[in-house]
Amino acid sequence: MAVDWEFRDYVVDLLVAVGPVRAKSMFGGAGLYLDGTMFAIISDDVLFLKADGRTRGDFEARGMEPLTYERSGRDAPIALSYWETPPDVMDDPDALCTWARRAWEAARRSGEGRRRRRRA
């Protein structure tokens, strides 16, 4: 997973209407956060948006694929719940913001923004 920092900044600029999106480096890529919830990943200059049972069909209908990674000891790649953004959505800032809001909502539903409780 790698990210071109210019592409990362470009995507963050496109998402300004969504809210104060922050990018954090992670494993050579970047996670995009809104209000403490990660809703997107940039890997190899591709934007992947969080999907769940309510939104996954939108990605599948457009022929998009989930982000995957290889793990030692596994025969098949592991698919994450982050899906490639359709090219026409990347070309339309308003559509991108709509899809990003839906990804943020999916991430919130999945609980990714929850903070871990401290153990006593």
N, C-alpha and C. Protein backbone atom coordinates (compact mmCIF):
# COMPACT_ATOMS: atom_id res chain seq x y z
N MET A 1 0.85 -1.16 0.00
CA MET A 1 0.00 0.00 0.00
C MET A 1 0.90 1.22 0.00
N ALA A 2 0.69 2.11 -0.94
CA ALA A 2 1.47 3.34 -1.02
C ALA A 2 0.53 4.48 -1.42
N VAL A 3 0.99 5.68 -1.16
CA VAL A 3 0.16 6.84 -1.51
C VAL A 3 1.07 7.98 -1.96
N ASP A 4 0.64 8.63 -3.01
CA ASP A 4 1.30 9.85 -3.48
C ASP A 4 0.68 10.99 -2.66
N TRP A 5 1.51 11.74 -1.95
CA TRP A 5 0.99 12.76 -1.03
C TRP A 5 0.22 13.84 -1.78
N GLU A 6 0.59 14.12 -3.02
CA GLU A 6 -0.18 15.09 -3.82
C GLU A 6 -1.59 14.58 -4.08
N PHE A 7 -1.72 13.29 -4.39
CA PHE A 7 -3.04 12.70 -4.61
C PHE A 7 -3.85 12.75 -3.31
N ARG A 8 -3.20 12.42 -2.20
CA ARG A 8 -3.88 12.47 -0.90
C ARG A 8 -4.43 13.87 -0.63
N ASP A 9 -3.60 14.88 -0.84
CA ASP A 9 -4.04 16.26 -0.60
C ASP A 9 -5.15 16.66 -1.57
N TYR A 10 -5.07 16.20 -2.81
CA TYR A 10 -6.10 16.47 -3.81
C TYR A 10 -7.44 15.91 -3.35
N VAL A 11 -7.44 14.66 -2.87
CA VAL A 11 -8.69 14.03 -2.41
C VAL A 11 -9.24 14.78 -1.20
N VAL A 12 -8.39 15.12 -0.26
CA VAL A 12 -8.84 15.86 0.93
C VAL A 12 -9.46 17.20 0.51
N ASP A 13 -8.85 17.87 -0.46
CA ASP A 13 -9.41 19.13 -0.97
C ASP A 13 -10.77 18.91 -1.62
N LEU A 14 -10.93 17.81 -2.36
CA LEU A 14 -12.22 17.53 -2.99
C LEU A 14 -13.32 17.30 -1.95
N LEU A 15 -12.93 16.82 -0.78
CA LEU A 15 -13.91 16.47 0.26
C LEU A 15 -14.18 17.59 1.25
N VAL A 16 -13.76 18.80 0.94
CA VAL A 16 -13.93 19.91 1.87
C VAL A 16 -15.40 20.13 2.23
N ALA A 17 -16.32 19.88 1.32
CA ALA A 17 -17.75 20.08 1.60
C ALA A 17 -18.30 19.03 2.57
N VAL A 18 -17.59 17.93 2.76
CA VAL A 18 -18.03 16.89 3.68
C VAL A 18 -17.79 17.32 5.13
N GLY A 19 -16.72 18.05 5.33
CA GLY A 19 -16.36 18.49 6.67
C GLY A 19 -14.84 18.50 6.79
N PRO A 20 -14.35 18.64 8.02
CA PRO A 20 -12.90 18.71 8.24
C PRO A 20 -12.25 17.33 8.15
N VAL A 21 -12.04 16.86 6.93
CA VAL A 21 -11.44 15.55 6.69
C VAL A 21 -9.94 15.65 6.95
N ARG A 22 -9.43 14.68 7.70
CA ARG A 22 -7.99 14.62 8.00
C ARG A 22 -7.43 13.33 7.44
N ALA A 23 -6.23 13.39 6.94
CA ALA A 23 -5.53 12.21 6.43
C ALA A 23 -4.44 11.82 7.42
N LYS A 24 -4.36 10.53 7.73
CA LYS A 24 -3.31 10.01 8.60
C LYS A 24 -2.59 8.89 7.87
N SER A 25 -1.28 8.92 7.93
CA SER A 25 -0.48 7.88 7.29
C SER A 25 -0.69 6.55 7.99
N MET A 26 -0.75 5.49 7.18
CA MET A 26 -0.88 4.16 7.74
C MET A 26 -0.38 3.12 6.75
N PHE A 27 0.61 2.35 7.12
CA PHE A 27 1.14 1.25 6.31
C PHE A 27 1.48 1.68 4.89
N GLY A 28 2.02 2.86 4.70
CA GLY A 28 2.38 3.34 3.39
C GLY A 28 1.24 4.00 2.64
N GLY A 29 0.04 3.89 3.15
CA GLY A 29 -1.14 4.53 2.55
C GLY A 29 -1.62 5.63 3.47
N ALA A 30 -2.91 5.93 3.38
CA ALA A 30 -3.49 6.96 4.24
C ALA A 30 -4.92 6.60 4.57
N GLY A 31 -5.30 6.85 5.80
CA GLY A 31 -6.69 6.73 6.22
C GLY A 31 -7.29 8.12 6.25
N LEU A 32 -8.53 8.26 5.80
CA LEU A 32 -9.23 9.54 5.84
C LEU A 32 -10.26 9.48 6.97
N TYR A 33 -10.24 10.52 7.80
CA TYR A 33 -11.06 10.57 9.00
C TYR A 33 -11.94 11.81 9.00
N LEU A 34 -13.15 11.63 9.52
CA LEU A 34 -14.06 12.74 9.79
C LEU A 34 -14.63 12.51 11.17
N ASP A 35 -14.49 13.48 12.03
CA ASP A 35 -14.97 13.37 13.42
C ASP A 35 -14.46 12.12 14.11
N GLY A 36 -13.20 11.78 13.87
CA GLY A 36 -12.58 10.64 14.55
C GLY A 36 -12.92 9.29 13.96
N THR A 37 -13.67 9.25 12.89
CA THR A 37 -14.08 7.99 12.27
C THR A 37 -13.41 7.84 10.91
N MET A 38 -12.68 6.72 10.72
CA MET A 38 -12.07 6.47 9.42
C MET A 38 -13.14 5.96 8.46
N PHE A 39 -13.28 6.65 7.33
CA PHE A 39 -14.29 6.28 6.35
C PHE A 39 -13.71 5.98 4.98
N ALA A 40 -12.42 6.15 4.81
CA ALA A 40 -11.80 5.90 3.51
C ALA A 40 -10.32 5.58 3.69
N ILE A 41 -9.78 4.88 2.69
CA ILE A 41 -8.36 4.55 2.64
C ILE A 41 -7.85 4.89 1.25
N ILE A 42 -6.68 5.51 1.21
CA ILE A 42 -6.01 5.72 -0.07
C ILE A 42 -4.84 4.75 -0.12
N SER A 43 -4.82 3.94 -1.16
CA SER A 43 -3.76 2.96 -1.35
C SER A 43 -3.40 2.93 -2.82
N ASP A 44 -2.11 3.07 -3.12
CA ASP A 44 -1.65 3.05 -4.51
C ASP A 44 -2.43 4.04 -5.37
N ASP A 45 -2.68 5.22 -4.82
CA ASP A 45 -3.39 6.31 -5.50
C ASP A 45 -4.79 5.91 -5.97
N VAL A 46 -5.44 5.09 -5.18
CA VAL A 46 -6.84 4.73 -5.39
C VAL A 46 -7.57 5.02 -4.09
N LEU A 47 -8.75 5.65 -4.21
CA LEU A 47 -9.57 5.95 -3.04
C LEU A 47 -10.56 4.81 -2.83
N PHE A 48 -10.51 4.23 -1.63
CA PHE A 48 -11.43 3.17 -1.24
C PHE A 48 -12.34 3.73 -0.14
N LEU A 49 -13.65 3.58 -0.33
CA LEU A 49 -14.62 4.08 0.63
C LEU A 49 -15.22 2.94 1.44
N LYS A 50 -15.52 3.21 2.70
CA LYS A 50 -16.12 2.22 3.59
C LYS A 50 -17.50 1.85 3.06
N ALA A 51 -17.79 0.55 3.07
CA ALA A 51 -19.11 0.06 2.66
C ALA A 51 -19.63 -0.90 3.72
N ASP A 52 -20.94 -1.03 3.76
CA ASP A 52 -21.57 -2.00 4.64
C ASP A 52 -22.74 -2.63 3.89
N GLY A 53 -23.58 -3.34 4.58
CA GLY A 53 -24.70 -4.02 3.94
C GLY A 53 -25.64 -3.08 3.20
N ARG A 54 -25.74 -1.85 3.64
CA ARG A 54 -26.61 -0.87 2.97
C ARG A 54 -26.01 -0.29 1.70
N THR A 55 -24.69 -0.24 1.62
CA THR A 55 -24.04 0.47 0.50
C THR A 55 -23.20 -0.40 -0.42
N ARG A 56 -22.86 -1.60 0.02
CA ARG A 56 -21.99 -2.47 -0.77
C ARG A 56 -22.54 -2.73 -2.18
N GLY A 57 -23.85 -2.87 -2.30
CA GLY A 57 -24.47 -3.13 -3.60
C GLY A 57 -24.21 -2.03 -4.62
N ASP A 58 -24.07 -0.79 -4.16
CA ASP A 58 -23.78 0.33 -5.07
C ASP A 58 -22.41 0.14 -5.72
N PHE A 59 -21.46 -0.34 -4.96
CA PHE A 59 -20.11 -0.59 -5.49
C PHE A 59 -20.13 -1.80 -6.42
N GLU A 60 -20.80 -2.86 -5.97
CA GLU A 60 -20.87 -4.08 -6.77
C GLU A 60 -21.55 -3.83 -8.11
N ALA A 61 -22.63 -3.03 -8.10
CA ALA A 61 -23.37 -2.74 -9.33
C ALA A 61 -22.51 -2.01 -10.36
N ARG A 62 -21.49 -1.32 -9.90
CA ARG A 62 -20.60 -0.58 -10.80
C ARG A 62 -19.32 -1.35 -11.11
N GLY A 63 -19.27 -2.60 -10.64
CA GLY A 63 -18.11 -3.44 -10.95
C GLY A 63 -16.87 -3.14 -10.14
N MET A 64 -17.02 -2.45 -9.02
CA MET A 64 -15.87 -2.10 -8.18
C MET A 64 -15.49 -3.29 -7.31
N GLU A 65 -14.27 -3.27 -6.84
CA GLU A 65 -13.73 -4.35 -6.02
C GLU A 65 -13.32 -3.81 -4.64
N PRO A 66 -13.32 -4.68 -3.63
CA PRO A 66 -12.85 -4.24 -2.32
C PRO A 66 -11.33 -4.19 -2.26
N LEU A 67 -10.83 -3.45 -1.32
CA LEU A 67 -9.40 -3.41 -1.04
C LEU A 67 -9.03 -4.76 -0.41
N THR A 68 -7.96 -5.36 -0.91
CA THR A 68 -7.51 -6.65 -0.37
C THR A 68 -6.04 -6.57 0.02
N TYR A 69 -5.64 -7.50 0.84
CA TYR A 69 -4.22 -7.62 1.18
C TYR A 69 -3.88 -9.09 1.39
N GLU A 70 -2.62 -9.39 1.22
CA GLU A 70 -2.12 -10.75 1.40
C GLU A 70 -1.65 -10.91 2.84
N ARG A 71 -1.92 -12.07 3.40
CA ARG A 71 -1.46 -12.36 4.75
C ARG A 71 -0.77 -13.72 4.72
N SER A 72 0.38 -13.78 5.31
CA SER A 72 1.12 -15.05 5.30
C SER A 72 0.29 -16.13 5.99
N GLY A 73 0.37 -17.33 5.43
CA GLY A 73 -0.38 -18.44 5.99
C GLY A 73 -1.79 -18.55 5.44
N ARG A 74 -2.17 -17.62 4.59
CA ARG A 74 -3.52 -17.66 4.00
C ARG A 74 -3.39 -17.95 2.52
N ASP A 75 -4.31 -18.76 2.00
CA ASP A 75 -4.29 -19.10 0.58
C ASP A 75 -4.86 -17.98 -0.29
N ALA A 76 -5.83 -17.27 0.24
CA ALA A 76 -6.51 -16.23 -0.55
C ALA A 76 -6.32 -14.87 0.11
N PRO A 77 -6.38 -13.81 -0.69
CA PRO A 77 -6.28 -12.47 -0.10
C PRO A 77 -7.46 -12.18 0.81
N ILE A 78 -7.25 -11.29 1.73
CA ILE A 78 -8.28 -10.87 2.67
C ILE A 78 -8.90 -9.58 2.15
N ALA A 79 -10.22 -9.58 2.02
CA ALA A 79 -10.94 -8.40 1.54
C ALA A 79 -11.38 -7.55 2.73
N LEU A 80 -11.15 -6.27 2.62
CA LEU A 80 -11.61 -5.32 3.63
C LEU A 80 -12.96 -4.76 3.21
N SER A 81 -13.60 -4.04 4.09
CA SER A 81 -14.91 -3.45 3.78
C SER A 81 -14.78 -2.05 3.18
N TYR A 82 -13.67 -1.84 2.50
CA TYR A 82 -13.43 -0.58 1.78
C TYR A 82 -13.39 -0.91 0.30
N TRP A 83 -14.18 -0.19 -0.49
CA TRP A 83 -14.35 -0.49 -1.90
C TRP A 83 -13.85 0.64 -2.77
N GLU A 84 -13.30 0.28 -3.93
CA GLU A 84 -12.79 1.26 -4.88
C GLU A 84 -13.90 2.22 -5.30
N THR A 85 -13.56 3.50 -5.35
CA THR A 85 -14.52 4.52 -5.77
C THR A 85 -14.68 4.47 -7.29
N PRO A 86 -15.92 4.46 -7.79
CA PRO A 86 -16.12 4.44 -9.25
C PRO A 86 -15.46 5.65 -9.91
N PRO A 87 -14.87 5.45 -11.09
CA PRO A 87 -14.17 6.55 -11.78
C PRO A 87 -15.05 7.77 -12.03
N ASP A 88 -16.31 7.58 -12.40
CA ASP A 88 -17.17 8.73 -12.67
C ASP A 88 -17.45 9.52 -11.39
N VAL A 89 -17.45 8.85 -10.25
CA VAL A 89 -17.64 9.54 -8.97
C VAL A 89 -16.40 10.37 -8.65
N MET A 90 -15.23 9.84 -8.94
CA MET A 90 -13.98 10.59 -8.71
C MET A 90 -13.93 11.84 -9.57
N ASP A 91 -14.59 11.82 -10.72
CA ASP A 91 -14.58 12.96 -11.65
C ASP A 91 -15.63 14.01 -11.32
N ASP A 92 -16.49 13.74 -10.33
CA ASP A 92 -17.59 14.65 -9.99
C ASP A 92 -17.51 14.97 -8.49
N PRO A 93 -16.97 16.14 -8.12
CA PRO A 93 -16.79 16.46 -6.71
C PRO A 93 -18.08 16.37 -5.87
N ASP A 94 -19.22 16.76 -6.44
CA ASP A 94 -20.47 16.67 -5.68
C ASP A 94 -20.84 15.22 -5.41
N ALA A 95 -20.70 14.38 -6.43
CA ALA A 95 -21.00 12.95 -6.26
C ALA A 95 -20.01 12.33 -5.28
N LEU A 96 -18.74 12.72 -5.37
CA LEU A 96 -17.74 12.18 -4.46
C LEU A 96 -18.09 12.52 -3.01
N CYS A 97 -18.53 13.72 -2.77
CA CYS A 97 -18.91 14.12 -1.40
C CYS A 97 -20.11 13.31 -0.92
N THR A 98 -21.06 13.05 -1.80
CA THR A 98 -22.23 12.24 -1.44
C THR A 98 -21.78 10.82 -1.06
N TRP A 99 -20.94 10.23 -1.90
CA TRP A 99 -20.44 8.88 -1.61
C TRP A 99 -19.60 8.87 -0.34
N ALA A 100 -18.82 9.91 -0.11
CA ALA A 100 -17.99 9.99 1.09
C ALA A 100 -18.85 10.10 2.35
N ARG A 101 -19.92 10.88 2.28
CA ARG A 101 -20.84 10.98 3.44
C ARG A 101 -21.45 9.62 3.75
N ARG A 102 -21.84 8.90 2.71
CA ARG A 102 -22.42 7.57 2.89
C ARG A 102 -21.38 6.61 3.48
N ALA A 103 -20.13 6.75 3.07
CA ALA A 103 -19.05 5.92 3.61
C ALA A 103 -18.83 6.23 5.08
N TRP A 104 -18.89 7.52 5.43
CA TRP A 104 -18.73 7.92 6.83
C TRP A 104 -19.88 7.34 7.66
N GLU A 105 -21.09 7.40 7.12
CA GLU A 105 -22.25 6.83 7.83
C GLU A 105 -22.09 5.32 8.01
N ALA A 106 -21.59 4.63 6.97
CA ALA A 106 -21.34 3.19 7.08
C ALA A 106 -20.30 2.90 8.15
N ALA A 107 -19.25 3.70 8.19
CA ALA A 107 -18.21 3.52 9.21
C ALA A 107 -18.78 3.76 10.60
N ARG A 108 -19.62 4.74 10.74
CA ARG A 108 -20.24 5.01 12.05
C ARG A 108 -21.14 3.85 12.47
N ARG A 109 -21.90 3.31 11.51
CA ARG A 109 -22.77 2.17 11.84
C ARG A 109 -21.95 0.96 12.28
N SER A 110 -20.77 0.80 11.69
CA SER A 110 -19.94 -0.37 12.01
C SER A 110 -19.19 -0.19 13.33
N GLY A 111 -19.20 1.01 13.85
CA GLY A 111 -18.54 1.25 15.13
C GLY A 111 -17.07 1.54 15.03
N GLU A 112 -16.55 1.82 13.82
CA GLU A 112 -15.12 2.07 13.69
C GLU A 112 -14.67 3.33 14.41
N GLY A 113 -15.58 4.23 14.70
CA GLY A 113 -15.20 5.45 15.38
C GLY A 113 -15.19 5.33 16.89
N ARG A 114 -15.65 4.19 17.41
CA ARG A 114 -15.69 4.01 18.86
C ARG A 114 -14.31 3.91 19.45
N ARG A 115 -14.16 4.53 20.55
CA ARG A 115 -12.88 4.43 21.25
C ARG A 115 -12.88 3.18 22.09
N ARG A 116 -11.72 2.57 22.20
CA ARG A 116 -11.59 1.36 23.01
C ARG A 116 -11.62 1.74 24.48
N ARG A 117 -12.28 0.93 25.25
CA ARG A 117 -12.35 1.15 26.70
C ARG A 117 -11.03 0.74 27.34
N ARG A 118 -10.66 1.50 28.32
CA ARG A 118 -9.46 1.14 29.08
C ARG A 118 -9.79 -0.02 30.00
N ARG A 119 -8.84 -0.91 30.10
CA ARG A 119 -9.01 -2.02 31.03
C ARG A 119 -8.55 -1.60 32.40
N ALA A 120 -9.32 -2.02 33.38
CA ALA A 120 -9.00 -1.64 34.77
C ALA A 120 -7.86 -2.47 35.31
